[in-house]
Each structure stands twice: as structure tokens, then as C-alpha cells.
Amino acid sequence: MGDFSDSITVHVPSDRLFAYLSDVQHLHSYMPRLRAARPHGGDKVTVTAHVEPVDAPEQDVTSEAWVTVVEDGKSLEWGVPGPHDYHGQLHVGPGETADTCRLTVELHTEHTEGEQVHHGLDEALRGIKQAVEDAEHRHAANTVAASDRLPLLGPLGAGGARQDASAVIGVWKQRSILRHSHHEMFESLHRWMG
């Protein structure tokens, strides 16, 4: 029997990470071997994974699993029935700043090849971090693209340009991920204002 745990810092607010993880449809985007996840009937999920057994050719296997979202504790619990008693939890906790959070995964399995399990945990955490940070950047880019198309608030000159720039900067300030990219903001303003 083995219990394993690992953590990683993710550069998105905790609410965004939890919302992303709570959507079971995203599972295949961050679980390295998962090909598909189809939720049905409460916490039941049908998953298809690509496996490479030692004693058989690699293959896709489909099985039933369960995922329970615990809103209050910002955690997910999951499990897969079978001989390895595979189950665990993901916990989303606060980070050092409002724009970061800490993701911890705890895993229990009868599969005791510790090094392989640790590698799998690390791979899953890095996959989650990459997927959610990429999704946040795409969301931010879409916000920037929308701000490039904001209508002018008044005529240019006599303070009009300043008001227009303030509107775009306001959009940027609403998106924490964008506050760190002043160069992109000024390029956006330049394109928008001509």
C-alpha cells in the first residue's frame, strides 16, 4: 500500500484553478495518458486512457471512475475501481499572492512502485499547471483582442485619447495576468489608437 503527495505553485487565482479542475471535461487536457472523460450520472465518469503495460502491447482502455467536487474545501476527490485501490484528492489552496495558488495532490494506491508513482504525480501536476496557465493566457489574449475593438469614448484630442486609453487600461487592470505585461498593453494601446 502506498500514499503519495506532491504540490506545485500555479500562477492563476485559486478560484480560476478550482473552476478549471471542477470541469471533468478538462481531465484529458492535463492527465498525461487520459484520452477522454465523459461525465454521466452524478459523480460517475467514463474515462479512456492510453496504457503501456509491461506484459502486453500498449492500448487504450476504457473504465468507470468517480470524481466528487467539494466546493467548500476547494478540492476534488476521485477514484478508479480495481485491484490497485487507486484514489486521491486535489486541493487548491492560497498562494503567496492573489494571482497564485498552491495545488496539492494526494494519492493512495496499492501499486507500490514508488518512483513510477512519483513521476506520474509530477507529470500530472506539471500538466495541470501548464493547461490552466495556458487557458488563462488564452482568456487574457481574448480580453486584449476585445479591448482592441472598444469603441472610442470621445473625439481624439482635448482629452478624448486619454479617456479612451483609460478604458483600455481599465480592462487590463481587471485581468491580473495582464498586469505583468506592460509591453503588450502599450502595443495594444498603440494599435487601438492608431
C-alpha atoms as a PDB file:
ATOM      1  CA  MET A   1       0.000   0.000   0.000  1.00  0.00           C
ATOM      2  CA  GLY A   2       1.268   3.473  -0.735  1.00  0.00           C
ATOM      3  CA  ASP A   3       0.297   7.052  -0.003  1.00  0.00           C
ATOM      4  CA  PHE A   4       1.909   9.780  -2.034  1.00  0.00           C
ATOM      5  CA  SER A   5       1.683  13.566  -2.080  1.00  0.00           C
ATOM      6  CA  ASP A   6       3.168  16.424  -4.102  1.00  0.00           C
ATOM      7  CA  SER A   7       2.474  20.145  -4.640  1.00  0.00           C
ATOM      8  CA  ILE A   8       3.086  22.887  -7.187  1.00  0.00           C
ATOM      9  CA  THR A   9       2.528  26.643  -7.400  1.00  0.00           C
ATOM     10  CA  VAL A  10       0.180  27.695 -10.208  1.00  0.00           C
ATOM     11  CA  HIS A  11       0.149  31.265 -11.495  1.00  0.00           C
ATOM     12  CA  VAL A  12      -3.605  31.834 -11.586  1.00  0.00           C
ATOM     13  CA  PRO A  13      -6.040  32.813  -8.831  1.00  0.00           C
ATOM     14  CA  SER A  14      -7.288  29.856  -6.776  1.00  0.00           C
ATOM     15  CA  ASP A  15     -10.925  30.343  -7.883  1.00  0.00           C
ATOM     16  CA  ARG A  16      -9.902  30.059 -11.541  1.00  0.00           C
ATOM     17  CA  LEU A  17      -7.849  26.917 -10.953  1.00  0.00           C
ATOM     18  CA  PHE A  18     -10.638  25.296  -8.952  1.00  0.00           C
ATOM     19  CA  ALA A  19     -13.227  26.159 -11.626  1.00  0.00           C
ATOM     20  CA  TYR A  20     -10.969  24.635 -14.297  1.00  0.00           C
ATOM     21  CA  LEU A  21     -10.336  21.454 -12.318  1.00  0.00           C
ATOM     22  CA  SER A  22     -14.003  21.103 -11.355  1.00  0.00           C
ATOM     23  CA  ASP A  23     -14.966  20.713 -15.007  1.00  0.00           C
ATOM     24  CA  VAL A  24     -14.394  16.998 -15.625  1.00  0.00           C
ATOM     25  CA  GLN A  25     -14.324  17.666 -19.380  1.00  0.00           C
ATOM     26  CA  HIS A  26     -10.825  19.171 -18.853  1.00  0.00           C
ATOM     27  CA  LEU A  27      -9.328  15.970 -17.396  1.00  0.00           C
ATOM     28  CA  HIS A  28      -7.776  14.803 -20.655  1.00  0.00           C
ATOM     29  CA  SER A  29      -6.032  18.169 -21.157  1.00  0.00           C
ATOM     30  CA  TYR A  30      -3.813  17.708 -18.099  1.00  0.00           C
ATOM     31  CA  MET A  31      -3.742  13.988 -17.313  1.00  0.00           C
ATOM     32  CA  PRO A  32      -0.883  12.657 -19.424  1.00  0.00           C
ATOM     33  CA  ARG A  33      -2.354   9.334 -20.537  1.00  0.00           C
ATOM     34  CA  LEU A  34      -6.037  10.199 -20.489  1.00  0.00           C
ATOM     35  CA  ARG A  35      -7.640  10.383 -23.924  1.00  0.00           C
ATOM     36  CA  ALA A  36     -11.242  11.213 -22.944  1.00  0.00           C
ATOM     37  CA  ALA A  37     -13.502  11.789 -19.942  1.00  0.00           C
ATOM     38  CA  ARG A  38     -17.298  11.681 -20.224  1.00  0.00           C
ATOM     39  CA  PRO A  39     -19.282  12.574 -17.102  1.00  0.00           C
ATOM     40  CA  HIS A  40     -22.658  10.925 -16.505  1.00  0.00           C
ATOM     41  CA  GLY A  41     -24.940  10.200 -13.582  1.00  0.00           C
ATOM     42  CA  GLY A  42     -23.739  12.332 -10.669  1.00  0.00           C
ATOM     43  CA  ASP A  43     -20.087  11.773  -9.912  1.00  0.00           C
ATOM     44  CA  LYS A  44     -19.610   8.919 -12.405  1.00  0.00           C
ATOM     45  CA  VAL A  45     -17.162   9.421 -15.267  1.00  0.00           C
ATOM     46  CA  THR A  46     -16.220   7.140 -18.133  1.00  0.00           C
ATOM     47  CA  VAL A  47     -12.515   7.552 -18.881  1.00  0.00           C
ATOM     48  CA  THR A  48     -10.369   6.294 -21.716  1.00  0.00           C
ATOM     49  CA  ALA A  49      -6.615   6.119 -21.101  1.00  0.00           C
ATOM     50  CA  HIS A  50      -3.635   5.055 -23.167  1.00  0.00           C
ATOM     51  CA  VAL A  51      -1.628   2.488 -21.210  1.00  0.00           C
ATOM     52  CA  GLU A  52       1.664   0.738 -21.828  1.00  0.00           C
ATOM     53  CA  PRO A  53       1.586  -2.475 -19.764  1.00  0.00           C
ATOM     54  CA  VAL A  54       4.880  -4.259 -19.208  1.00  0.00           C
ATOM     55  CA  ASP A  55       3.462  -7.624 -20.254  1.00  0.00           C
ATOM     56  CA  ALA A  56       1.180  -6.527 -23.146  1.00  0.00           C
ATOM     57  CA  PRO A  57       1.144  -4.173 -26.105  1.00  0.00           C
ATOM     58  CA  GLU A  58       0.202  -0.530 -25.496  1.00  0.00           C
ATOM     59  CA  GLN A  59      -3.501   0.074 -25.822  1.00  0.00           C
ATOM     60  CA  ASP A  60      -6.439   2.332 -24.995  1.00  0.00           C
ATOM     61  CA  VAL A  61      -8.609   1.124 -22.122  1.00  0.00           C
ATOM     62  CA  THR A  62     -11.982   2.455 -21.022  1.00  0.00           C
ATOM     63  CA  SER A  63     -13.274   2.189 -17.467  1.00  0.00           C
ATOM     64  CA  GLU A  64     -15.585   3.799 -14.988  1.00  0.00           C
ATOM     65  CA  ALA A  65     -14.304   6.250 -12.397  1.00  0.00           C
ATOM     66  CA  TRP A  66     -15.788   8.748  -9.990  1.00  0.00           C
ATOM     67  CA  VAL A  67     -14.983  12.397  -9.308  1.00  0.00           C
ATOM     68  CA  THR A  68     -16.544  14.381  -6.462  1.00  0.00           C
ATOM     69  CA  VAL A  69     -16.201  18.161  -6.300  1.00  0.00           C
ATOM     70  CA  VAL A  70     -16.008  19.529  -2.741  1.00  0.00           C
ATOM     71  CA  GLU A  71     -16.733  23.245  -3.144  1.00  0.00           C
ATOM     72  CA  ASP A  72     -16.161  24.291   0.479  1.00  0.00           C
ATOM     73  CA  GLY A  73     -12.686  22.858   0.713  1.00  0.00           C
ATOM     74  CA  LYS A  74     -11.781  23.611  -2.920  1.00  0.00           C
ATOM     75  CA  SER A  75     -10.891  20.007  -3.500  1.00  0.00           C
ATOM     76  CA  LEU A  76     -11.677  17.146  -5.822  1.00  0.00           C
ATOM     77  CA  GLU A  77     -11.801  13.521  -4.780  1.00  0.00           C
ATOM     78  CA  TRP A  78     -11.502  10.746  -7.327  1.00  0.00           C
ATOM     79  CA  GLY A  79     -11.107   7.044  -7.643  1.00  0.00           C
ATOM     80  CA  VAL A  80     -10.986   4.167 -10.071  1.00  0.00           C
ATOM     81  CA  PRO A  81     -12.274   0.764  -9.011  1.00  0.00           C
ATOM     82  CA  GLY A  82      -9.878  -2.089  -9.491  1.00  0.00           C
ATOM     83  CA  PRO A  83      -7.133  -4.147  -7.901  1.00  0.00           C
ATOM     84  CA  HIS A  84      -4.860  -1.178  -7.110  1.00  0.00           C
ATOM     85  CA  ASP A  85      -7.418   0.740  -4.954  1.00  0.00           C
ATOM     86  CA  TYR A  86      -6.475   3.920  -6.839  1.00  0.00           C
ATOM     87  CA  HIS A  87      -7.982   7.092  -5.336  1.00  0.00           C
ATOM     88  CA  GLY A  88      -6.935  10.540  -4.237  1.00  0.00           C
ATOM     89  CA  GLN A  89      -7.624  14.210  -3.788  1.00  0.00           C
ATOM     90  CA  LEU A  90      -6.612  17.516  -5.332  1.00  0.00           C
ATOM     91  CA  HIS A  91      -6.571  20.531  -3.005  1.00  0.00           C
ATOM     92  CA  VAL A  92      -6.429  24.139  -4.206  1.00  0.00           C
ATOM     93  CA  GLY A  93      -5.024  26.461  -1.554  1.00  0.00           C
ATOM     94  CA  PRO A  94      -3.938  30.074  -1.426  1.00  0.00           C
ATOM     95  CA  GLY A  95      -0.664  31.155  -2.944  1.00  0.00           C
ATOM     96  CA  GLU A  96       1.778  33.842  -1.884  1.00  0.00           C
ATOM     97  CA  THR A  97      -0.183  36.444  -3.880  1.00  0.00           C
ATOM     98  CA  ALA A  98      -3.779  36.785  -5.078  1.00  0.00           C
ATOM     99  CA  ASP A  99      -2.608  35.793  -8.572  1.00  0.00           C
ATOM    100  CA  THR A 100      -1.145  32.450  -7.497  1.00  0.00           C
ATOM    101  CA  CYS A 101      -2.317  29.353  -5.676  1.00  0.00           C
ATOM    102  CA  ARG A 102      -0.921  26.098  -4.390  1.00  0.00           C
ATOM    103  CA  LEU A 103      -2.137  22.801  -5.828  1.00  0.00           C
ATOM    104  CA  THR A 104      -1.573  19.637  -3.815  1.00  0.00           C
ATOM    105  CA  VAL A 105      -2.349  16.113  -4.962  1.00  0.00           C
ATOM    106  CA  GLU A 106      -2.661  13.178  -2.582  1.00  0.00           C
ATOM    107  CA  LEU A 107      -2.791   9.666  -3.981  1.00  0.00           C
ATOM    108  CA  HIS A 108      -3.407   6.255  -2.488  1.00  0.00           C
ATOM    109  CA  THR A 109      -2.689   3.121  -4.487  1.00  0.00           C
ATOM    110  CA  GLU A 110      -1.821  -0.493  -3.849  1.00  0.00           C
ATOM    111  CA  HIS A 111       0.590  -0.099  -6.761  1.00  0.00           C
ATOM    112  CA  THR A 112       3.808   0.353  -4.770  1.00  0.00           C
ATOM    113  CA  GLU A 113       6.396   1.193  -7.411  1.00  0.00           C
ATOM    114  CA  GLY A 114       7.139   4.497  -5.706  1.00  0.00           C
ATOM    115  CA  GLU A 115       9.428   6.062  -8.300  1.00  0.00           C
ATOM    116  CA  GLN A 116       6.897   5.479 -11.073  1.00  0.00           C
ATOM    117  CA  VAL A 117       4.096   6.928  -8.912  1.00  0.00           C
ATOM    118  CA  HIS A 118       6.175   9.996  -8.002  1.00  0.00           C
ATOM    119  CA  HIS A 119       6.970  10.529 -11.672  1.00  0.00           C
ATOM    120  CA  GLY A 120       3.274  10.253 -12.535  1.00  0.00           C
ATOM    121  CA  LEU A 121       2.314  12.767  -9.814  1.00  0.00           C
ATOM    122  CA  ASP A 122       4.927  15.232 -11.020  1.00  0.00           C
ATOM    123  CA  GLU A 123       3.798  14.778 -14.618  1.00  0.00           C
ATOM    124  CA  ALA A 124       0.142  15.339 -13.654  1.00  0.00           C
ATOM    125  CA  LEU A 125       0.911  18.464 -11.595  1.00  0.00           C
ATOM    126  CA  ARG A 126       3.029  19.966 -14.361  1.00  0.00           C
ATOM    127  CA  GLY A 127       0.274  19.094 -16.846  1.00  0.00           C
ATOM    128  CA  ILE A 128      -2.367  20.853 -14.737  1.00  0.00           C
ATOM    129  CA  LYS A 129      -0.136  23.902 -14.261  1.00  0.00           C
ATOM    130  CA  GLN A 130       0.587  24.148 -17.987  1.00  0.00           C
ATOM    131  CA  ALA A 131      -3.026  23.573 -19.071  1.00  0.00           C
ATOM    132  CA  VAL A 132      -4.593  26.080 -16.682  1.00  0.00           C
ATOM    133  CA  GLU A 133      -1.925  28.755 -17.195  1.00  0.00           C
ATOM    134  CA  ASP A 134      -2.284  28.354 -20.976  1.00  0.00           C
ATOM    135  CA  ALA A 135      -6.078  28.628 -20.648  1.00  0.00           C
ATOM    136  CA  GLU A 136      -5.637  31.783 -18.544  1.00  0.00           C
ATOM    137  CA  HIS A 137      -3.288  33.281 -21.148  1.00  0.00           C
ATOM    138  CA  ARG A 138      -5.773  32.488 -23.952  1.00  0.00           C
ATOM    139  CA  HIS A 139      -8.531  34.111 -21.897  1.00  0.00           C
ATOM    140  CA  ALA A 140      -6.313  37.153 -21.343  1.00  0.00           C
ATOM    141  CA  ALA A 141      -5.452  37.341 -25.057  1.00  0.00           C
ATOM    142  CA  ASN A 142      -9.141  37.229 -25.951  1.00  0.00           C
ATOM    143  CA  THR A 143      -9.764  40.054 -23.480  1.00  0.00           C
ATOM    144  CA  VAL A 144      -6.971  42.057 -25.091  1.00  0.00           C
ATOM    145  CA  ALA A 145      -8.361  41.395 -28.563  1.00  0.00           C
ATOM    146  CA  ALA A 146     -11.775  42.585 -27.376  1.00  0.00           C
ATOM    147  CA  SER A 147     -10.224  45.703 -25.826  1.00  0.00           C
ATOM    148  CA  ASP A 148      -8.580  46.470 -29.179  1.00  0.00           C
ATOM    149  CA  ARG A 149     -12.078  46.793 -30.612  1.00  0.00           C
ATOM    150  CA  LEU A 150     -13.531  49.048 -27.905  1.00  0.00           C
ATOM    151  CA  PRO A 151     -15.456  51.961 -29.409  1.00  0.00           C
ATOM    152  CA  LEU A 152     -13.924  55.379 -28.965  1.00  0.00           C
ATOM    153  CA  LEU A 153     -15.345  57.201 -25.974  1.00  0.00           C
ATOM    154  CA  GLY A 154     -14.912  60.629 -27.460  1.00  0.00           C
ATOM    155  CA  PRO A 155     -13.044  62.552 -30.127  1.00  0.00           C
ATOM    156  CA  LEU A 156      -9.276  62.284 -30.112  1.00  0.00           C
ATOM    157  CA  GLY A 157      -7.680  65.402 -28.761  1.00  0.00           C
ATOM    158  CA  ALA A 158      -8.964  67.564 -25.929  1.00  0.00           C
ATOM    159  CA  GLY A 159      -8.744  64.646 -23.501  1.00  0.00           C
ATOM    160  CA  GLY A 160     -10.544  62.119 -25.723  1.00  0.00           C
ATOM    161  CA  ALA A 161      -7.468  59.954 -26.246  1.00  0.00           C
ATOM    162  CA  ARG A 162      -6.787  59.974 -22.507  1.00  0.00           C
ATOM    163  CA  GLN A 163     -10.327  58.741 -21.786  1.00  0.00           C
ATOM    164  CA  ASP A 164     -10.007  56.028 -24.448  1.00  0.00           C
ATOM    165  CA  ALA A 165      -6.650  54.901 -23.077  1.00  0.00           C
ATOM    166  CA  SER A 166      -8.136  54.805 -19.573  1.00  0.00           C
ATOM    167  CA  ALA A 167     -10.882  52.470 -20.807  1.00  0.00           C
ATOM    168  CA  VAL A 168      -8.331  50.042 -22.256  1.00  0.00           C
ATOM    169  CA  ILE A 169      -6.119  50.248 -19.178  1.00  0.00           C
ATOM    170  CA  GLY A 170      -9.206  49.535 -17.057  1.00  0.00           C
ATOM    171  CA  VAL A 171      -9.771  46.307 -18.980  1.00  0.00           C
ATOM    172  CA  TRP A 172      -6.116  45.384 -18.470  1.00  0.00           C
ATOM    173  CA  LYS A 173      -6.267  46.045 -14.724  1.00  0.00           C
ATOM    174  CA  GLN A 174      -9.233  43.699 -14.375  1.00  0.00           C
ATOM    175  CA  ARG A 175      -7.105  40.818 -15.601  1.00  0.00           C
ATOM    176  CA  SER A 176      -4.365  40.033 -13.105  1.00  0.00           C
ATOM    177  CA  ILE A 177      -2.376  38.036 -15.650  1.00  0.00           C
ATOM    178  CA  LEU A 178      -2.135  41.114 -17.848  1.00  0.00           C
ATOM    179  CA  ARG A 179      -0.771  43.444 -15.196  1.00  0.00           C
ATOM    180  CA  HIS A 180       2.624  41.837 -15.710  1.00  0.00           C
ATOM    181  CA  SER A 181       2.741  42.544 -19.426  1.00  0.00           C
ATOM    182  CA  HIS A 182       3.107  46.303 -19.830  1.00  0.00           C
ATOM    183  CA  HIS A 183       4.774  45.946 -23.224  1.00  0.00           C
ATOM    184  CA  GLU A 184       1.740  44.105 -24.613  1.00  0.00           C
ATOM    185  CA  MET A 185      -0.587  46.673 -23.062  1.00  0.00           C
ATOM    186  CA  PHE A 186       1.199  49.587 -24.702  1.00  0.00           C
ATOM    187  CA  GLU A 187       1.336  47.801 -28.041  1.00  0.00           C
ATOM    188  CA  SER A 188      -2.390  47.177 -27.761  1.00  0.00           C
ATOM    189  CA  LEU A 189      -2.999  50.835 -26.960  1.00  0.00           C
ATOM    190  CA  HIS A 190      -0.834  51.880 -29.877  1.00  0.00           C
ATOM    191  CA  ARG A 191      -2.713  49.615 -32.334  1.00  0.00           C
ATOM    192  CA  TRP A 192      -6.072  50.649 -30.928  1.00  0.00           C
ATOM    193  CA  MET A 193      -5.416  54.375 -31.047  1.00  0.00           C
ATOM    194  CA  GLY A 194      -3.688  54.269 -34.408  1.00  0.00           C
END
